[in-house]
């Protein structure tokens, strides 16, 4: 991805399990690393349950990154 021009329209392809809602996602070019940064704001429905999230960076429908998977742990 470092070879892509910084004006390439990079977006996030995101999903979240039934226990959450993606409130906001933002993809920004980082000139220091010459890469992109994805930020997600998530609303968890039940804090006592885990929340699964997945994301990848894409240009149109072409994947640019691996798929990132994360399980937000429950608050016990």
N, C-alpha and C. Protein backbone atom coordinates (compact mmCIF):
# COMPACT_ATOMS: atom_id res chain seq x y z
N UNK A 1 0.80 -1.19 0.00
CA UNK A 1 0.00 0.00 0.00
C UNK A 1 0.85 1.26 0.00
N UNK A 2 2.10 1.14 0.37
CA UNK A 2 2.95 2.33 0.40
C UNK A 2 3.19 2.92 -0.98
N UNK A 3 2.96 2.13 -2.03
CA UNK A 3 3.16 2.61 -3.39
C UNK A 3 1.93 3.36 -3.93
N UNK A 4 0.82 3.28 -3.22
CA UNK A 4 -0.39 3.97 -3.67
C UNK A 4 -0.25 5.47 -3.44
N UNK A 5 -0.69 6.29 -4.39
CA UNK A 5 -0.68 7.74 -4.16
C UNK A 5 -1.61 8.09 -3.00
N UNK A 6 -1.27 9.16 -2.28
CA UNK A 6 -2.04 9.51 -1.09
C UNK A 6 -3.47 9.97 -1.42
N UNK A 7 -3.74 10.30 -2.67
CA UNK A 7 -5.10 10.71 -3.03
C UNK A 7 -5.96 9.53 -3.52
N UNK A 8 -5.45 8.30 -3.38
CA UNK A 8 -6.23 7.11 -3.72
C UNK A 8 -7.44 7.02 -2.80
N UNK A 9 -8.63 6.79 -3.34
CA UNK A 9 -9.82 6.71 -2.48
C UNK A 9 -9.89 5.38 -1.73
N UNK A 10 -9.25 5.34 -0.58
CA UNK A 10 -9.23 4.14 0.26
C UNK A 10 -10.39 4.24 1.25
N UNK A 11 -11.19 3.18 1.33
CA UNK A 11 -12.30 3.13 2.28
C UNK A 11 -12.21 1.85 3.09
N UNK A 12 -13.05 1.77 4.10
CA UNK A 12 -13.08 0.59 4.97
C UNK A 12 -14.29 -0.27 4.64
N UNK A 13 -14.06 -1.57 4.60
CA UNK A 13 -15.14 -2.55 4.50
C UNK A 13 -15.23 -3.16 5.89
N UNK A 14 -16.31 -2.88 6.61
CA UNK A 14 -16.40 -3.26 8.02
C UNK A 14 -17.64 -4.11 8.28
N UNK A 15 -17.56 -4.90 9.33
CA UNK A 15 -18.73 -5.63 9.81
C UNK A 15 -18.59 -5.81 11.32
N UNK A 16 -19.73 -5.98 11.96
CA UNK A 16 -19.74 -6.18 13.41
C UNK A 16 -20.83 -7.19 13.74
N UNK A 17 -20.63 -7.94 14.80
CA UNK A 17 -21.62 -8.94 15.20
C UNK A 17 -22.91 -8.31 15.72
N UNK A 18 -23.84 -9.17 16.12
CA UNK A 18 -25.16 -8.72 16.58
C UNK A 18 -25.10 -7.87 17.85
N UNK A 19 -24.01 -7.95 18.59
CA UNK A 19 -23.91 -7.23 19.86
C UNK A 19 -23.34 -5.82 19.72
N UNK A 20 -23.21 -5.32 18.52
CA UNK A 20 -22.64 -3.99 18.37
C UNK A 20 -23.15 -3.27 17.15
N UNK A 21 -22.79 -2.01 17.08
CA UNK A 21 -23.16 -1.16 15.95
C UNK A 21 -21.97 -0.24 15.65
N UNK A 22 -21.59 -0.16 14.39
CA UNK A 22 -20.52 0.76 14.00
C UNK A 22 -21.15 2.14 13.85
N UNK A 23 -20.73 3.07 14.70
CA UNK A 23 -21.28 4.41 14.72
C UNK A 23 -20.57 5.29 13.69
N UNK A 24 -19.27 5.09 13.56
CA UNK A 24 -18.48 5.92 12.65
C UNK A 24 -17.23 5.15 12.23
N UNK A 25 -16.82 5.33 10.98
CA UNK A 25 -15.52 4.81 10.57
C UNK A 25 -14.84 5.88 9.72
N UNK A 26 -13.54 5.96 9.89
CA UNK A 26 -12.77 6.99 9.22
C UNK A 26 -11.46 6.39 8.73
N UNK A 27 -11.12 6.63 7.47
CA UNK A 27 -9.85 6.18 6.91
C UNK A 27 -9.09 7.43 6.48
N UNK A 28 -7.89 7.59 7.01
CA UNK A 28 -7.07 8.76 6.69
C UNK A 28 -5.67 8.34 6.28
N UNK A 29 -5.11 9.07 5.35
CA UNK A 29 -3.72 8.85 4.94
C UNK A 29 -2.80 9.42 6.01
N UNK A 30 -1.76 8.67 6.34
CA UNK A 30 -0.77 9.11 7.32
C UNK A 30 0.54 9.38 6.57
N UNK A 31 0.91 10.64 6.38
CA UNK A 31 2.11 10.95 5.61
C UNK A 31 3.41 10.50 6.28
N UNK A 32 3.40 10.33 7.59
CA UNK A 32 4.60 9.90 8.30
C UNK A 32 4.93 8.44 7.96
N UNK A 33 3.91 7.59 7.98
CA UNK A 33 4.13 6.16 7.70
C UNK A 33 3.88 5.81 6.24
N UNK A 34 3.34 6.78 5.49
CA UNK A 34 2.95 6.57 4.09
C UNK A 34 1.97 5.41 3.96
N UNK A 35 1.06 5.36 4.91
CA UNK A 35 0.02 4.34 4.94
C UNK A 35 -1.30 4.96 5.34
N UNK A 36 -2.27 4.12 5.63
CA UNK A 36 -3.60 4.59 6.01
C UNK A 36 -3.93 4.14 7.42
N UNK A 37 -4.76 4.93 8.08
CA UNK A 37 -5.19 4.60 9.44
C UNK A 37 -6.71 4.50 9.46
N UNK A 38 -7.21 3.41 9.99
CA UNK A 38 -8.65 3.20 10.14
C UNK A 38 -9.01 3.41 11.60
N UNK A 39 -10.03 4.22 11.83
CA UNK A 39 -10.55 4.44 13.17
C UNK A 39 -12.03 4.05 13.18
N UNK A 40 -12.42 3.25 14.14
CA UNK A 40 -13.82 2.84 14.29
C UNK A 40 -14.37 3.33 15.62
N UNK A 41 -15.59 3.83 15.61
CA UNK A 41 -16.34 4.10 16.84
C UNK A 41 -17.47 3.08 16.87
N UNK A 42 -17.55 2.37 17.99
CA UNK A 42 -18.48 1.25 18.10
C UNK A 42 -19.38 1.45 19.31
N UNK A 43 -20.66 1.12 19.15
CA UNK A 43 -21.60 1.12 20.26
C UNK A 43 -21.91 -0.34 20.59
N UNK A 44 -21.58 -0.75 21.81
CA UNK A 44 -21.82 -2.12 22.26
C UNK A 44 -23.21 -2.17 22.89
N UNK A 45 -24.00 -3.16 22.51
CA UNK A 45 -25.37 -3.27 23.01
C UNK A 45 -25.43 -3.87 24.42
N UNK A 46 -24.67 -4.94 24.65
CA UNK A 46 -24.64 -5.60 25.96
C UNK A 46 -23.18 -5.77 26.37
N UNK A 47 -22.74 -4.96 27.32
CA UNK A 47 -21.34 -4.96 27.74
C UNK A 47 -20.91 -6.27 28.39
N UNK A 48 -21.87 -7.12 28.74
CA UNK A 48 -21.54 -8.40 29.37
C UNK A 48 -21.25 -9.49 28.34
N UNK A 49 -21.38 -9.15 27.06
CA UNK A 49 -21.10 -10.10 25.98
C UNK A 49 -19.94 -9.58 25.12
N UNK A 50 -19.21 -10.50 24.50
CA UNK A 50 -18.15 -10.09 23.58
C UNK A 50 -18.75 -9.51 22.31
N UNK A 51 -17.97 -8.69 21.63
CA UNK A 51 -18.40 -8.08 20.37
C UNK A 51 -17.33 -8.36 19.33
N UNK A 52 -17.72 -8.97 18.22
CA UNK A 52 -16.77 -9.31 17.16
C UNK A 52 -16.82 -8.28 16.05
N UNK A 53 -15.63 -7.85 15.59
CA UNK A 53 -15.53 -6.86 14.52
C UNK A 53 -14.56 -7.36 13.46
N UNK A 54 -14.81 -6.95 12.22
CA UNK A 54 -13.90 -7.26 11.11
C UNK A 54 -13.79 -6.02 10.24
N UNK A 55 -12.60 -5.83 9.66
CA UNK A 55 -12.41 -4.68 8.77
C UNK A 55 -11.28 -4.97 7.79
N UNK A 56 -11.38 -4.35 6.63
CA UNK A 56 -10.32 -4.40 5.62
C UNK A 56 -10.35 -3.08 4.87
N UNK A 57 -9.20 -2.69 4.33
CA UNK A 57 -9.13 -1.48 3.51
C UNK A 57 -9.31 -1.87 2.05
N UNK A 58 -10.12 -1.09 1.34
CA UNK A 58 -10.43 -1.39 -0.06
C UNK A 58 -10.38 -0.12 -0.90
N UNK A 59 -10.20 -0.33 -2.20
CA UNK A 59 -10.33 0.73 -3.20
C UNK A 59 -11.39 0.23 -4.16
N UNK A 60 -12.55 0.89 -4.17
CA UNK A 60 -13.73 0.39 -4.87
C UNK A 60 -14.03 -0.98 -4.25
N UNK A 61 -14.01 -2.06 -5.03
CA UNK A 61 -14.24 -3.40 -4.47
C UNK A 61 -12.96 -4.21 -4.38
N UNK A 62 -11.83 -3.59 -4.67
CA UNK A 62 -10.55 -4.31 -4.66
C UNK A 62 -9.91 -4.23 -3.27
N UNK A 63 -9.66 -5.39 -2.63
CA UNK A 63 -9.01 -5.38 -1.32
C UNK A 63 -7.59 -4.83 -1.41
N UNK A 64 -7.23 -4.01 -0.43
CA UNK A 64 -5.88 -3.45 -0.35
C UNK A 64 -5.11 -4.00 0.85
N UNK A 65 -5.82 -4.58 1.80
CA UNK A 65 -5.17 -5.06 3.02
C UNK A 65 -5.72 -6.43 3.38
N UNK A 66 -5.09 -7.03 4.36
CA UNK A 66 -5.63 -8.24 4.94
C UNK A 66 -6.89 -7.87 5.72
N UNK A 67 -7.68 -8.87 6.08
CA UNK A 67 -8.85 -8.62 6.91
C UNK A 67 -8.43 -8.65 8.37
N UNK A 68 -8.77 -7.59 9.08
CA UNK A 68 -8.46 -7.45 10.49
C UNK A 68 -9.66 -7.96 11.27
N UNK A 69 -9.42 -8.81 12.25
CA UNK A 69 -10.48 -9.38 13.07
C UNK A 69 -10.16 -9.10 14.53
N UNK A 70 -11.16 -8.66 15.29
CA UNK A 70 -10.93 -8.35 16.69
C UNK A 70 -12.16 -8.71 17.50
N UNK A 71 -11.94 -9.25 18.67
CA UNK A 71 -13.02 -9.57 19.58
C UNK A 71 -12.89 -8.66 20.80
N UNK A 72 -13.82 -7.73 20.92
CA UNK A 72 -13.84 -6.83 22.07
C UNK A 72 -14.37 -7.62 23.25
N UNK A 73 -13.57 -7.77 24.32
CA UNK A 73 -13.99 -8.64 25.42
C UNK A 73 -15.17 -8.05 26.20
N UNK A 74 -15.89 -8.93 26.86
CA UNK A 74 -16.99 -8.51 27.71
C UNK A 74 -16.45 -7.89 28.99
N UNK A 75 -17.20 -6.95 29.54
CA UNK A 75 -16.87 -6.41 30.87
C UNK A 75 -17.48 -7.34 31.90
N UNK A 76 -16.64 -7.88 32.73
CA UNK A 76 -17.15 -8.83 33.74
C UNK A 76 -17.18 -8.22 35.10
